[in-house]
Amino acid sequence: MVESRCGLLCSQCSFRESMGCQGCVNIDKPFWGDSCPVKSCCETKTQKHCGECSSFVCPTLHTFAFDMEQSDNGARIEQCRQWQEK
């Protein structure tokens, strides 16, 4: 089951319960800001997640996966690859 647009596993997010977040696939606006560039991109392209994109892995997703504040060392990219296969 796809939990997010970027491959983040929402079910493992420590903020999910405390913020009442239902995951970006189920909300209009993220609780952490006015918008999310990854969420917006996927929705504009009518894709469930980044793994469906012909530009996968794009610079935006790569930044989210490896930047200092949000890094998961590429785990979300690998998750999108797994969702691609389903």
C-alpha atoms as a PDB file:
ATOM      1  CA  MET A   1       0.000   0.000   0.000  1.00  0.00           C
ATOM      2  CA  VAL A   2       1.340   3.414  -0.975  1.00  0.00           C
ATOM      3  CA  GLU A   3       1.661   5.565   2.163  1.00  0.00           C
ATOM      4  CA  SER A   4       3.195   8.713   0.698  1.00  0.00           C
ATOM      5  CA  ARG A   5       4.170  10.331  -2.595  1.00  0.00           C
ATOM      6  CA  CYS A   6       7.925  10.332  -1.848  1.00  0.00           C
ATOM      7  CA  GLY A   7       8.303   6.825  -0.426  1.00  0.00           C
ATOM      8  CA  LEU A   8       8.359   7.825   3.221  1.00  0.00           C
ATOM      9  CA  LEU A   9       6.658   5.176   5.329  1.00  0.00           C
ATOM     10  CA  CYS A  10       4.081   7.216   7.212  1.00  0.00           C
ATOM     11  CA  SER A  11       3.279   4.259   9.457  1.00  0.00           C
ATOM     12  CA  GLN A  12       6.797   4.635  10.886  1.00  0.00           C
ATOM     13  CA  CYS A  13       6.672   8.425  11.319  1.00  0.00           C
ATOM     14  CA  SER A  14       6.924   9.668  14.898  1.00  0.00           C
ATOM     15  CA  PHE A  15       4.877  12.794  14.046  1.00  0.00           C
ATOM     16  CA  ARG A  16       1.911  10.982  12.506  1.00  0.00           C
ATOM     17  CA  GLU A  17      -0.114  10.431  15.653  1.00  0.00           C
ATOM     18  CA  SER A  18       0.814  13.611  17.519  1.00  0.00           C
ATOM     19  CA  MET A  19      -0.030  15.790  14.489  1.00  0.00           C
ATOM     20  CA  GLY A  20      -3.110  13.808  13.446  1.00  0.00           C
ATOM     21  CA  CYS A  21      -1.565  13.290  10.021  1.00  0.00           C
ATOM     22  CA  GLN A  22      -3.210  10.755   7.732  1.00  0.00           C
ATOM     23  CA  GLY A  23      -0.354  10.752   5.223  1.00  0.00           C
ATOM     24  CA  CYS A  24       0.092  13.005   2.218  1.00  0.00           C
ATOM     25  CA  VAL A  25      -1.972  10.760  -0.049  1.00  0.00           C
ATOM     26  CA  ASN A  26      -4.973  11.456   2.210  1.00  0.00           C
ATOM     27  CA  ILE A  27      -4.579  15.162   3.032  1.00  0.00           C
ATOM     28  CA  ASP A  28      -4.861  18.356   1.003  1.00  0.00           C
ATOM     29  CA  LYS A  29      -2.165  20.315   2.818  1.00  0.00           C
ATOM     30  CA  PRO A  30       0.760  18.908   4.817  1.00  0.00           C
ATOM     31  CA  PHE A  31       0.876  19.763   8.519  1.00  0.00           C
ATOM     32  CA  TRP A  32       4.526  20.838   8.205  1.00  0.00           C
ATOM     33  CA  GLY A  33       3.989  23.695   5.754  1.00  0.00           C
ATOM     34  CA  ASP A  34       1.915  25.291   3.044  1.00  0.00           C
ATOM     35  CA  SER A  35       2.888  22.665   0.497  1.00  0.00           C
ATOM     36  CA  CYS A  36       5.286  19.851  -0.321  1.00  0.00           C
ATOM     37  CA  PRO A  37       7.034  20.005  -3.699  1.00  0.00           C
ATOM     38  CA  VAL A  38       7.084  16.215  -4.025  1.00  0.00           C
ATOM     39  CA  LYS A  39       3.385  15.848  -3.178  1.00  0.00           C
ATOM     40  CA  SER A  40       2.464  18.686  -5.545  1.00  0.00           C
ATOM     41  CA  CYS A  41       4.526  17.238  -8.384  1.00  0.00           C
ATOM     42  CA  CYS A  42       2.998  13.763  -8.091  1.00  0.00           C
ATOM     43  CA  GLU A  43      -0.519  15.122  -7.896  1.00  0.00           C
ATOM     44  CA  THR A  44       0.018  17.420 -10.883  1.00  0.00           C
ATOM     45  CA  LYS A  45       1.202  14.411 -12.875  1.00  0.00           C
ATOM     46  CA  THR A  46      -1.638  12.258 -11.433  1.00  0.00           C
ATOM     47  CA  GLN A  47       0.822   9.741 -10.045  1.00  0.00           C
ATOM     48  CA  LYS A  48       0.431   7.791  -6.813  1.00  0.00           C
ATOM     49  CA  HIS A  49       4.131   8.131  -5.941  1.00  0.00           C
ATOM     50  CA  CYS A  50       7.483   9.201  -7.386  1.00  0.00           C
ATOM     51  CA  GLY A  51       8.291   5.704  -8.588  1.00  0.00           C
ATOM     52  CA  GLU A  52       5.685   6.090 -11.335  1.00  0.00           C
ATOM     53  CA  CYS A  53       7.469   9.091 -12.833  1.00  0.00           C
ATOM     54  CA  SER A  54       9.573   8.941 -15.988  1.00  0.00           C
ATOM     55  CA  SER A  55      12.028  11.302 -14.206  1.00  0.00           C
ATOM     56  CA  PHE A  56      12.486   8.996 -11.194  1.00  0.00           C
ATOM     57  CA  VAL A  57      14.838   9.757  -9.338  1.00  0.00           C
ATOM     58  CA  CYS A  58      14.559  13.502  -9.899  1.00  0.00           C
ATOM     59  CA  PRO A  59      16.672  16.139  -8.095  1.00  0.00           C
ATOM     60  CA  THR A  60      13.751  17.093  -5.820  1.00  0.00           C
ATOM     61  CA  LEU A  61      13.267  13.564  -4.502  1.00  0.00           C
ATOM     62  CA  HIS A  62      17.018  13.045  -4.245  1.00  0.00           C
ATOM     63  CA  THR A  63      17.301  16.186  -2.102  1.00  0.00           C
ATOM     64  CA  PHE A  64      14.568  14.993   0.246  1.00  0.00           C
ATOM     65  CA  ALA A  65      16.202  11.579   0.549  1.00  0.00           C
ATOM     66  CA  PHE A  66      19.710  12.851   1.266  1.00  0.00           C
ATOM     67  CA  ASP A  67      19.573  16.393   2.695  1.00  0.00           C
ATOM     68  CA  MET A  68      20.742  17.081   6.235  1.00  0.00           C
ATOM     69  CA  GLU A  69      17.340  17.759   7.831  1.00  0.00           C
ATOM     70  CA  GLN A  70      15.130  15.194   6.130  1.00  0.00           C
ATOM     71  CA  SER A  71      17.619  12.532   5.146  1.00  0.00           C
ATOM     72  CA  ASP A  72      16.761   8.867   5.311  1.00  0.00           C
ATOM     73  CA  ASN A  73      19.866   7.918   3.311  1.00  0.00           C
ATOM     74  CA  GLY A  74      17.792   7.020   0.272  1.00  0.00           C
ATOM     75  CA  ALA A  75      15.325   4.684   2.000  1.00  0.00           C
ATOM     76  CA  ARG A  76      12.346   6.504   0.491  1.00  0.00           C
ATOM     77  CA  ILE A  77      13.819   6.073  -2.985  1.00  0.00           C
ATOM     78  CA  GLU A  78      14.154   2.344  -2.415  1.00  0.00           C
ATOM     79  CA  GLN A  79      10.571   2.249  -1.135  1.00  0.00           C
ATOM     80  CA  CYS A  80       9.333   3.903  -4.331  1.00  0.00           C
ATOM     81  CA  ARG A  81      11.226   1.249  -6.291  1.00  0.00           C
ATOM     82  CA  GLN A  82       9.406  -1.451  -4.323  1.00  0.00           C
ATOM     83  CA  TRP A  83       6.053   0.215  -5.011  1.00  0.00           C
ATOM     84  CA  GLN A  84       6.980   0.342  -8.732  1.00  0.00           C
ATOM     85  CA  GLU A  85       7.124  -3.439  -8.774  1.00  0.00           C
ATOM     86  CA  LYS A  86       3.578  -3.899  -7.454  1.00  0.00           C
END
